[in-house]
Structure formats: structure tokens, C-alpha cells
Amino acid sequence: MKKIQATTFAIALLLISNIGAAETKKPTEEKKAAAKTEVAKKEAPKAAEKSKAKKFPYYGQVAAITKRTLTIKTSEEAPERKIAVTAETQIMKNDKPATTDDVVVGQWVGGSVEKNAAGEETAATINLSAKQKKAKPAAKPAAKTEKKPAPKTKAEGETKTPKKTAEPSKKAE
């Protein structure tokens, strides 16, 4: 009989410890879930920063403009660059809102573009008040300097030559 009581007591003890362990696991799992949501909240601004990092500046002369496409040339040698224009594109002229109708072929524009995964560019902003950049002046050639050989010292083998003394001129007698 004592064996049965001891076994029952041991089983009861195991059941109580398992119930207690199950209750302590719940807060731990809840803490893990809360920690995951906090990490997700912290990573959301980082993801937004990464999307901002995909914006690039552009500058050039308008070659063509439609309601959906801006074509610019950055220089005479450079190929034309086509940039998509959307409803979200902010077009500004003298710090005031403008439309694609205000864009003139030959006008210098600047702004920022967003590149998607396929590498296609969409204008985020178009600034119609951009000024043409001045060409950089050609680099001046470096001035030539003549290097004179350093004077030799006695240690280098130079010997001092005696000075010539002027001979007294002979007077005509």
C-alpha cells in the first residue's frame, strides 16, 4: 500500500510540475512574439530608408516631352535618357506647382528619379527652374620649372680655383 501511495504522490508531483512549466512557457512565448513585433517596428523605418536610397539625381536638356515620358540629354555625346512621368511626379517651376505642358524642348531641367528592380527610371521630381551648368574650364598646363643643379661642395670633389689678379697695366714710357 505504501508503494501505491508513493507512486500516486510521484505522479501528482509530476503533473503539478508540468502544469507549472506550461504556465511559465506561455509568458515566454508571448515575450518572444512581442519582441518580434518590436523588431519589425524597428526594421520598418530601415526599409523606408532603403527605398529612399533608390532615388538618384538627374540633370539635362529636354529633348522631348509627353504626358508620360521625359527625354533628356546630359551632353552632346551622351545618349538620350528616357524617364517615366506618373501622377505622383512633382513638377515645380519657380517653387510653384507646374504640369508637363509647362516643359519646353531645349529647357534645362533637374530632379530625382527612382529606379525599380528592372532598372527603369520614374521621375519623383522635375524642377523646371534648373540653370544650365557652366562648362568646367580646361585644366591649365603645369608651369615648367627649370631645375638647377645643386652647387658642389668641397666634399664632393670641387676644388677652389684661384682668383685671377689683375696685372698692373704697364704705362707707356
N, C-alpha and C. Protein backbone atom coordinates (compact mmCIF):
# COMPACT_ATOMS: atom_id res chain seq x y z
N MET A 1 0.80 -1.17 0.00
CA MET A 1 0.00 0.00 0.00
C MET A 1 0.85 1.26 0.00
N LYS A 2 1.92 1.19 0.72
CA LYS A 2 2.80 2.35 0.77
C LYS A 2 3.40 2.61 -0.61
N LYS A 3 3.63 1.57 -1.40
CA LYS A 3 4.18 1.75 -2.74
C LYS A 3 3.17 2.47 -3.63
N ILE A 4 1.92 2.14 -3.47
CA ILE A 4 0.89 2.76 -4.28
C ILE A 4 0.78 4.24 -3.91
N GLN A 5 0.84 4.54 -2.65
CA GLN A 5 0.77 5.94 -2.21
C GLN A 5 1.99 6.73 -2.72
N ALA A 6 3.14 6.14 -2.66
CA ALA A 6 4.36 6.81 -3.11
C ALA A 6 4.30 7.05 -4.62
N THR A 7 3.80 6.07 -5.37
CA THR A 7 3.68 6.22 -6.81
C THR A 7 2.65 7.30 -7.15
N THR A 8 1.52 7.30 -6.46
CA THR A 8 0.50 8.30 -6.69
C THR A 8 1.04 9.69 -6.36
N PHE A 9 1.76 9.78 -5.29
CA PHE A 9 2.35 11.06 -4.89
C PHE A 9 3.35 11.53 -5.95
N ALA A 10 4.16 10.65 -6.49
CA ALA A 10 5.15 11.00 -7.51
C ALA A 10 4.46 11.45 -8.80
N ILE A 11 3.39 10.75 -9.17
CA ILE A 11 2.65 11.14 -10.37
C ILE A 11 2.00 12.50 -10.18
N ALA A 12 1.44 12.74 -9.03
CA ALA A 12 0.81 14.03 -8.73
C ALA A 12 1.86 15.14 -8.79
N LEU A 13 3.01 14.87 -8.26
CA LEU A 13 4.08 15.85 -8.27
C LEU A 13 4.51 16.17 -9.71
N LEU A 14 4.61 15.15 -10.55
CA LEU A 14 4.98 15.35 -11.95
C LEU A 14 3.91 16.16 -12.68
N LEU A 15 2.64 15.86 -12.42
CA LEU A 15 1.56 16.60 -13.07
C LEU A 15 1.58 18.07 -12.65
N ILE A 16 1.79 18.31 -11.40
CA ILE A 16 1.82 19.69 -10.90
C ILE A 16 3.00 20.45 -11.52
N SER A 17 4.16 19.79 -11.61
CA SER A 17 5.33 20.47 -12.19
C SER A 17 5.14 20.74 -13.68
N ASN A 18 4.46 19.82 -14.40
CA ASN A 18 4.19 20.04 -15.82
C ASN A 18 3.21 21.18 -16.03
N ILE A 19 2.21 21.29 -15.17
CA ILE A 19 1.25 22.38 -15.28
C ILE A 19 1.95 23.71 -15.02
N GLY A 20 2.79 23.74 -14.04
CA GLY A 20 3.55 24.95 -13.72
C GLY A 20 4.49 25.33 -14.85
N ALA A 21 5.10 24.33 -15.47
CA ALA A 21 6.01 24.59 -16.59
C ALA A 21 5.24 25.10 -17.80
N ALA A 22 4.06 24.56 -18.03
CA ALA A 22 3.25 25.02 -19.16
C ALA A 22 2.83 26.47 -18.96
N GLU A 23 2.50 26.84 -17.73
CA GLU A 23 2.11 28.22 -17.45
C GLU A 23 3.30 29.17 -17.62
N THR A 24 4.48 28.75 -17.26
CA THR A 24 5.65 29.61 -17.41
C THR A 24 6.07 29.72 -18.87
N LYS A 25 5.75 28.73 -19.71
CA LYS A 25 6.09 28.81 -21.13
C LYS A 25 5.24 29.83 -21.85
N LYS A 26 4.02 30.02 -21.46
CA LYS A 26 3.13 30.95 -22.13
C LYS A 26 3.68 32.37 -22.10
N PRO A 27 4.09 32.89 -20.96
CA PRO A 27 4.64 34.24 -20.98
C PRO A 27 5.92 34.33 -21.82
N THR A 28 6.71 33.30 -21.83
CA THR A 28 7.93 33.31 -22.62
C THR A 28 7.59 33.40 -24.10
N GLU A 29 6.60 32.61 -24.54
CA GLU A 29 6.19 32.67 -25.94
C GLU A 29 5.59 34.03 -26.27
N GLU A 30 4.84 34.59 -25.34
CA GLU A 30 4.26 35.92 -25.55
C GLU A 30 5.37 36.97 -25.63
N LYS A 31 6.39 36.81 -24.80
CA LYS A 31 7.51 37.75 -24.84
C LYS A 31 8.24 37.66 -26.17
N LYS A 32 8.40 36.44 -26.68
CA LYS A 32 9.06 36.26 -27.97
C LYS A 32 8.26 36.93 -29.09
N ALA A 33 6.93 36.75 -29.05
CA ALA A 33 6.08 37.36 -30.08
C ALA A 33 6.15 38.88 -29.99
N ALA A 34 6.15 39.42 -28.77
CA ALA A 34 6.24 40.86 -28.58
C ALA A 34 7.60 41.37 -29.07
N ALA A 35 8.64 40.61 -28.81
CA ALA A 35 9.97 41.00 -29.25
C ALA A 35 10.03 41.02 -30.78
N LYS A 36 9.38 40.05 -31.43
CA LYS A 36 9.37 40.01 -32.89
C LYS A 36 8.66 41.23 -33.47
N THR A 37 7.55 41.64 -32.85
CA THR A 37 6.84 42.81 -33.37
C THR A 37 7.66 44.08 -33.15
N GLU A 38 8.39 44.14 -32.04
CA GLU A 38 9.24 45.31 -31.81
C GLU A 38 10.36 45.38 -32.86
N VAL A 39 10.93 44.24 -33.18
CA VAL A 39 11.99 44.19 -34.19
C VAL A 39 11.41 44.61 -35.54
N ALA A 40 10.20 44.14 -35.84
CA ALA A 40 9.57 44.52 -37.11
C ALA A 40 9.32 46.02 -37.17
N LYS A 41 8.92 46.60 -36.04
CA LYS A 41 8.68 48.05 -35.99
C LYS A 41 9.98 48.81 -36.20
N LYS A 42 11.07 48.30 -35.66
CA LYS A 42 12.36 48.96 -35.82
C LYS A 42 12.88 48.83 -37.25
N GLU A 43 12.58 47.71 -37.91
CA GLU A 43 13.06 47.47 -39.26
C GLU A 43 12.24 48.22 -40.31
N ALA A 44 11.01 48.61 -39.99
CA ALA A 44 10.16 49.32 -40.96
C ALA A 44 10.80 50.63 -41.40
N PRO A 45 11.32 51.48 -40.49
CA PRO A 45 11.99 52.71 -40.97
C PRO A 45 13.23 52.40 -41.80
N LYS A 46 13.92 51.33 -41.49
CA LYS A 46 15.10 50.96 -42.27
C LYS A 46 14.69 50.60 -43.69
N ALA A 47 13.57 49.91 -43.83
CA ALA A 47 13.08 49.56 -45.17
C ALA A 47 12.70 50.82 -45.94
N ALA A 48 12.11 51.78 -45.23
CA ALA A 48 11.75 53.05 -45.88
C ALA A 48 13.01 53.79 -46.31
N GLU A 49 14.06 53.74 -45.50
CA GLU A 49 15.32 54.38 -45.86
C GLU A 49 15.92 53.71 -47.09
N LYS A 50 15.79 52.38 -47.19
CA LYS A 50 16.32 51.68 -48.35
C LYS A 50 15.58 52.11 -49.61
N SER A 51 14.27 52.32 -49.50
CA SER A 51 13.54 52.76 -50.67
C SER A 51 13.95 54.18 -51.06
N LYS A 52 14.28 54.99 -50.08
CA LYS A 52 14.77 56.33 -50.38
C LYS A 52 16.14 56.27 -51.04
N ALA A 53 16.90 55.27 -50.72
CA ALA A 53 18.25 55.14 -51.27
C ALA A 53 18.21 54.85 -52.77
N LYS A 54 17.04 54.47 -53.31
CA LYS A 54 16.95 54.16 -54.72
C LYS A 54 16.70 55.40 -55.56
N LYS A 55 16.66 56.58 -54.95
CA LYS A 55 16.46 57.81 -55.70
C LYS A 55 17.82 58.36 -56.12
N PHE A 56 17.86 58.84 -57.38
CA PHE A 56 19.10 59.38 -57.92
C PHE A 56 18.81 60.72 -58.59
N PRO A 57 19.74 61.66 -58.53
CA PRO A 57 19.52 62.95 -59.19
C PRO A 57 19.74 62.83 -60.70
N TYR A 58 19.13 63.73 -61.44
CA TYR A 58 19.38 63.82 -62.87
C TYR A 58 19.39 65.29 -63.25
N TYR A 59 20.00 65.57 -64.39
CA TYR A 59 20.10 66.94 -64.89
C TYR A 59 20.36 66.87 -66.38
N GLY A 60 19.63 67.64 -67.15
CA GLY A 60 19.87 67.62 -68.58
C GLY A 60 18.95 68.56 -69.34
N GLN A 61 19.11 68.56 -70.64
CA GLN A 61 18.33 69.40 -71.53
C GLN A 61 17.21 68.57 -72.12
N VAL A 62 15.99 69.11 -72.12
CA VAL A 62 14.83 68.38 -72.61
C VAL A 62 14.96 68.17 -74.11
N ALA A 63 14.90 66.90 -74.53
CA ALA A 63 14.92 66.55 -75.94
C ALA A 63 13.50 66.32 -76.45
N ALA A 64 12.63 65.79 -75.57
CA ALA A 64 11.22 65.55 -75.92
C ALA A 64 10.43 65.41 -74.63
N ILE A 65 9.13 65.71 -74.71
CA ILE A 65 8.26 65.58 -73.53
C ILE A 65 6.88 65.13 -73.99
N THR A 66 6.33 64.15 -73.28
CA THR A 66 4.95 63.73 -73.47
C THR A 66 4.31 63.71 -72.09
N LYS A 67 3.05 63.34 -72.01
CA LYS A 67 2.37 63.28 -70.71
C LYS A 67 2.97 62.19 -69.83
N ARG A 68 3.59 61.18 -70.46
CA ARG A 68 4.10 60.04 -69.70
C ARG A 68 5.61 59.86 -69.73
N THR A 69 6.31 60.61 -70.59
CA THR A 69 7.76 60.41 -70.73
C THR A 69 8.49 61.74 -70.89
N LEU A 70 9.59 61.87 -70.16
CA LEU A 70 10.51 63.00 -70.29
C LEU A 70 11.80 62.44 -70.87
N THR A 71 12.25 63.00 -71.99
CA THR A 71 13.50 62.55 -72.61
C THR A 71 14.50 63.69 -72.50
N ILE A 72 15.67 63.41 -71.90
CA ILE A 72 16.70 64.44 -71.72
C ILE A 72 18.02 63.98 -72.29
N LYS A 73 18.89 64.96 -72.56
CA LYS A 73 20.27 64.70 -72.96
C LYS A 73 21.16 65.43 -71.98
N THR A 74 22.12 64.74 -71.42
CA THR A 74 23.03 65.37 -70.47
C THR A 74 24.18 66.08 -71.16
N SER A 75 24.52 65.64 -72.37
CA SER A 75 25.57 66.29 -73.16
C SER A 75 25.39 65.89 -74.62
N GLU A 76 26.14 66.52 -75.49
CA GLU A 76 26.04 66.21 -76.92
C GLU A 76 26.42 64.77 -77.22
N GLU A 77 27.43 64.25 -76.52
CA GLU A 77 27.92 62.90 -76.77
C GLU A 77 27.07 61.83 -76.10
N ALA A 78 26.38 62.19 -75.03
CA ALA A 78 25.65 61.20 -74.24
C ALA A 78 24.36 60.79 -74.95
N PRO A 79 23.95 59.53 -74.76
CA PRO A 79 22.69 59.09 -75.36
C PRO A 79 21.51 59.73 -74.62
N GLU A 80 20.35 59.75 -75.26
CA GLU A 80 19.17 60.30 -74.62
C GLU A 80 18.73 59.39 -73.48
N ARG A 81 18.16 60.00 -72.47
CA ARG A 81 17.74 59.28 -71.27
C ARG A 81 16.23 59.46 -71.14
N LYS A 82 15.47 58.36 -71.13
CA LYS A 82 14.02 58.43 -71.03
C LYS A 82 13.61 58.16 -69.59
N ILE A 83 12.78 59.07 -69.07
CA ILE A 83 12.32 58.98 -67.69
C ILE A 83 10.80 59.00 -67.70
N ALA A 84 10.20 58.02 -67.04
CA ALA A 84 8.74 57.94 -66.99
C ALA A 84 8.19 59.03 -66.07
N VAL A 85 7.04 59.60 -66.45
CA VAL A 85 6.36 60.61 -65.64
C VAL A 85 5.03 60.02 -65.21
N THR A 86 4.74 60.06 -63.90
CA THR A 86 3.50 59.49 -63.37
C THR A 86 2.68 60.58 -62.68
N ALA A 87 1.53 60.20 -62.16
CA ALA A 87 0.68 61.13 -61.42
C ALA A 87 1.35 61.56 -60.12
N GLU A 88 2.24 60.73 -59.59
CA GLU A 88 2.94 61.05 -58.34
C GLU A 88 4.13 61.98 -58.55
N THR A 89 4.54 62.18 -59.79
CA THR A 89 5.69 63.04 -60.09
C THR A 89 5.36 64.48 -59.73
N GLN A 90 6.23 65.10 -58.94
CA GLN A 90 6.04 66.50 -58.56
C GLN A 90 6.82 67.37 -59.54
N ILE A 91 6.10 68.22 -60.28
CA ILE A 91 6.74 69.12 -61.25
C ILE A 91 6.67 70.52 -60.67
N MET A 92 7.83 71.18 -60.55
CA MET A 92 7.90 72.51 -59.94
C MET A 92 8.59 73.49 -60.89
N LYS A 93 8.06 74.73 -60.91
CA LYS A 93 8.68 75.80 -61.68
C LYS A 93 8.67 77.04 -60.79
N ASN A 94 9.85 77.54 -60.47
CA ASN A 94 10.00 78.69 -59.57
C ASN A 94 9.27 78.45 -58.24
N ASP A 95 9.46 77.27 -57.68
CA ASP A 95 8.88 76.85 -56.39
C ASP A 95 7.35 76.82 -56.41
N LYS A 96 6.73 76.70 -57.57
CA LYS A 96 5.28 76.59 -57.69
C LYS A 96 4.96 75.35 -58.50
N PRO A 97 3.83 74.70 -58.22
CA PRO A 97 3.46 73.50 -58.99
C PRO A 97 3.30 73.81 -60.48
N ALA A 98 3.67 72.86 -61.32
CA ALA A 98 3.58 73.01 -62.77
C ALA A 98 3.10 71.69 -63.36
N THR A 99 2.92 71.65 -64.68
CA THR A 99 2.49 70.43 -65.37
C THR A 99 3.46 70.14 -66.50
N THR A 100 3.24 69.01 -67.16
CA THR A 100 4.10 68.67 -68.30
C THR A 100 3.90 69.65 -69.46
N ASP A 101 2.78 70.36 -69.47
CA ASP A 101 2.55 71.36 -70.51
C ASP A 101 3.51 72.54 -70.37
N ASP A 102 4.05 72.75 -69.16
CA ASP A 102 4.98 73.86 -68.91
C ASP A 102 6.41 73.52 -69.35
N VAL A 103 6.67 72.26 -69.65
CA VAL A 103 8.01 71.84 -70.05
C VAL A 103 8.21 72.17 -71.52
N VAL A 104 9.37 72.77 -71.85
CA VAL A 104 9.67 73.19 -73.22
C VAL A 104 10.92 72.44 -73.71
N VAL A 105 10.87 71.98 -74.95
CA VAL A 105 12.03 71.30 -75.54
C VAL A 105 13.19 72.30 -75.58
N GLY A 106 14.36 71.85 -75.16
CA GLY A 106 15.55 72.71 -75.11
C GLY A 106 15.78 73.29 -73.73
N GLN A 107 14.81 73.18 -72.86
CA GLN A 107 14.90 73.71 -71.49
C GLN A 107 15.77 72.78 -70.63
N TRP A 108 16.52 73.36 -69.72
CA TRP A 108 17.33 72.58 -68.80
C TRP A 108 16.49 72.24 -67.58
N VAL A 109 16.48 70.96 -67.19
CA VAL A 109 15.69 70.50 -66.05
C VAL A 109 16.58 69.64 -65.15
N GLY A 110 16.12 69.48 -63.94
CA GLY A 110 16.80 68.62 -62.98
C GLY A 110 15.77 68.00 -62.07
N GLY A 111 16.18 67.10 -61.23
CA GLY A 111 15.25 66.47 -60.30
C GLY A 111 15.81 65.16 -59.78
N SER A 112 14.88 64.30 -59.37
CA SER A 112 15.30 62.99 -58.87
C SER A 112 14.45 61.91 -59.52
N VAL A 113 15.08 60.77 -59.74
CA VAL A 113 14.39 59.61 -60.31
C VAL A 113 14.49 58.45 -59.34
N GLU A 114 13.52 57.56 -59.44
CA GLU A 114 13.53 56.33 -58.66
C GLU A 114 13.73 55.18 -59.64
N LYS A 115 14.65 54.29 -59.30
CA LYS A 115 14.88 53.13 -60.16
C LYS A 115 14.16 51.93 -59.55
N ASN A 116 13.44 51.20 -60.38
CA ASN A 116 12.79 49.99 -59.89
C ASN A 116 13.74 48.82 -60.08
N ALA A 117 13.27 47.62 -59.74
CA ALA A 117 14.13 46.45 -59.81
C ALA A 117 14.60 46.17 -61.23
N ALA A 118 13.79 46.54 -62.23
CA ALA A 118 14.15 46.29 -63.63
C ALA A 118 15.11 47.35 -64.16
N GLY A 119 15.38 48.41 -63.35
CA GLY A 119 16.30 49.46 -63.77
C GLY A 119 15.61 50.60 -64.51
N GLU A 120 14.28 50.55 -64.60
CA GLU A 120 13.54 51.62 -65.27
C GLU A 120 13.45 52.82 -64.34
N GLU A 121 13.56 54.01 -64.92
CA GLU A 121 13.56 55.24 -64.13
C GLU A 121 12.20 55.92 -64.19
N THR A 122 11.70 56.33 -63.01
CA THR A 122 10.47 57.10 -62.91
C THR A 122 10.79 58.39 -62.19
N ALA A 123 10.34 59.51 -62.74
CA ALA A 123 10.64 60.81 -62.14
C ALA A 123 9.88 60.96 -60.84
N ALA A 124 10.59 61.24 -59.75
CA ALA A 124 9.95 61.58 -58.49
C ALA A 124 9.68 63.08 -58.48
N THR A 125 10.66 63.86 -58.97
CA THR A 125 10.51 65.31 -59.07
C THR A 125 11.10 65.79 -60.38
N ILE A 126 10.53 66.89 -60.89
CA ILE A 126 11.09 67.58 -62.06
C ILE A 126 11.14 69.06 -61.70
N ASN A 127 12.31 69.64 -61.75
CA ASN A 127 12.50 71.05 -61.44
C ASN A 127 12.73 71.80 -62.75
N LEU A 128 11.77 72.64 -63.13
CA LEU A 128 11.88 73.37 -64.39
C LEU A 128 12.71 74.65 -64.26
N SER A 129 13.12 74.98 -63.05
CA SER A 129 13.89 76.20 -62.81
C SER A 129 15.39 75.95 -62.81
N ALA A 130 15.81 74.78 -63.27
CA ALA A 130 17.23 74.45 -63.26
C ALA A 130 17.97 75.32 -64.26
N LYS A 131 19.16 75.74 -63.88
CA LYS A 131 20.01 76.55 -64.75
C LYS A 131 21.02 75.64 -65.43
N GLN A 132 21.46 76.05 -66.62
CA GLN A 132 22.47 75.28 -67.32
C GLN A 132 23.77 75.40 -66.56
N LYS A 133 24.40 74.27 -66.34
CA LYS A 133 25.68 74.27 -65.65
C LYS A 133 26.74 74.82 -66.59
N LYS A 134 27.66 75.58 -66.01
CA LYS A 134 28.76 76.12 -66.81
C LYS A 134 29.77 75.02 -67.05
N ALA A 135 30.36 75.05 -68.23
CA ALA A 135 31.38 74.06 -68.56
C ALA A 135 32.60 74.32 -67.70
N LYS A 136 33.22 73.27 -67.28
CA LYS A 136 34.43 73.41 -66.48
C LYS A 136 35.56 73.89 -67.37
N PRO A 137 36.35 74.87 -66.89
CA PRO A 137 37.47 75.34 -67.71
C PRO A 137 38.51 74.24 -67.86
N ALA A 138 39.18 74.29 -69.00
CA ALA A 138 40.23 73.29 -69.25
C ALA A 138 41.34 73.48 -68.23
N ALA A 139 41.91 72.40 -67.83
CA ALA A 139 42.97 72.44 -66.84
C ALA A 139 44.19 73.16 -67.43
N LYS A 140 44.75 74.05 -66.65
CA LYS A 140 45.93 74.78 -67.12
C LYS A 140 47.13 73.84 -67.07
N PRO A 141 47.99 73.93 -68.10
CA PRO A 141 49.17 73.07 -68.06
C PRO A 141 50.08 73.53 -66.92
N ALA A 142 50.73 72.59 -66.33
CA ALA A 142 51.63 72.91 -65.21
C ALA A 142 52.80 73.74 -65.72
N ALA A 143 53.17 74.75 -64.95
CA ALA A 143 54.29 75.62 -65.33
C ALA A 143 55.58 74.82 -65.26
N LYS A 144 56.40 75.02 -66.30
CA LYS A 144 57.67 74.31 -66.32
C LYS A 144 58.68 75.07 -65.48
N THR A 145 59.32 74.34 -64.62
CA THR A 145 60.35 74.96 -63.79
C THR A 145 61.67 74.30 -64.13
N GLU A 146 62.66 75.13 -64.30
CA GLU A 146 63.98 74.61 -64.61
C GLU A 146 64.67 74.26 -63.30
N LYS A 147 65.17 73.08 -63.29
CA LYS A 147 65.89 72.66 -62.09
C LYS A 147 67.36 72.92 -62.30
N LYS A 148 67.90 73.70 -61.41
CA LYS A 148 69.34 73.99 -61.48
C LYS A 148 70.06 72.96 -60.62
N PRO A 149 71.19 72.50 -61.12
CA PRO A 149 71.92 71.53 -60.31
C PRO A 149 72.44 72.20 -59.04
N ALA A 150 72.41 71.45 -57.99
CA ALA A 150 72.88 71.98 -56.71
C ALA A 150 74.38 72.23 -56.79
N PRO A 151 74.86 73.31 -56.16
CA PRO A 151 76.31 73.58 -56.19
C PRO A 151 77.06 72.48 -55.46
N LYS A 152 78.21 72.17 -56.03
CA LYS A 152 79.03 71.13 -55.41
C LYS A 152 79.81 71.71 -54.25
N THR A 153 80.03 70.89 -53.29
CA THR A 153 80.82 71.32 -52.14
C THR A 153 82.19 70.67 -52.22
N LYS A 154 83.06 71.10 -51.36
CA LYS A 154 84.41 70.53 -51.35
C LYS A 154 84.36 69.04 -51.10
N ALA A 155 83.42 68.63 -50.32
CA ALA A 155 83.32 67.22 -50.00
C ALA A 155 83.01 66.41 -51.25
N GLU A 156 82.36 67.01 -52.23
CA GLU A 156 82.01 66.30 -53.45
C GLU A 156 83.13 66.37 -54.49
N GLY A 157 84.24 66.94 -54.12
CA GLY A 157 85.38 66.93 -55.03
C GLY A 157 85.61 68.23 -55.76
N GLU A 158 84.90 69.26 -55.44
CA GLU A 158 85.13 70.52 -56.12
C GLU A 158 86.33 71.21 -55.46
N THR A 159 87.17 71.68 -56.28
CA THR A 159 88.33 72.39 -55.75
C THR A 159 88.16 73.86 -56.05
N LYS A 160 88.66 74.64 -55.18
CA LYS A 160 88.55 76.08 -55.34
C LYS A 160 89.61 76.55 -56.33
N THR A 161 89.17 77.28 -57.32
CA THR A 161 90.13 77.79 -58.29
C THR A 161 90.63 79.14 -57.81
N PRO A 162 91.92 79.37 -58.01
CA PRO A 162 92.45 80.66 -57.53
C PRO A 162 91.89 81.80 -58.38
N LYS A 163 91.66 82.90 -57.72
CA LYS A 163 91.15 84.07 -58.42
C LYS A 163 92.27 84.69 -59.23
N LYS A 164 91.92 85.15 -60.39
CA LYS A 164 92.93 85.83 -61.22
C LYS A 164 93.06 87.24 -60.70
N THR A 165 94.27 87.63 -60.55
CA THR A 165 94.50 89.01 -60.09
C THR A 165 94.81 89.86 -61.31
N ALA A 166 94.35 91.00 -61.28
CA ALA A 166 94.58 91.88 -62.42
C ALA A 166 96.05 92.30 -62.41
N GLU A 167 96.63 92.18 -63.55
CA GLU A 167 98.03 92.59 -63.66
C GLU A 167 98.06 94.11 -63.83
N PRO A 168 99.00 94.72 -63.16
CA PRO A 168 99.07 96.17 -63.32
C PRO A 168 99.44 96.49 -64.78
N SER A 169 98.72 97.42 -65.27
CA SER A 169 98.96 97.76 -66.67
C SER A 169 100.30 98.51 -66.77
N LYS A 170 101.00 98.26 -67.81
CA LYS A 170 102.29 98.91 -68.00
C LYS A 170 102.06 100.25 -68.67
N LYS A 171 102.64 101.22 -68.11
CA LYS A 171 102.49 102.54 -68.66
C LYS A 171 103.50 102.72 -69.77
N ALA A 172 103.04 103.40 -70.74
CA ALA A 172 103.92 103.66 -71.87
C ALA A 172 105.00 104.62 -71.39
N GLU A 173 106.19 104.26 -71.59
CA GLU A 173 107.29 105.07 -71.14
C GLU A 173 107.75 105.95 -72.17
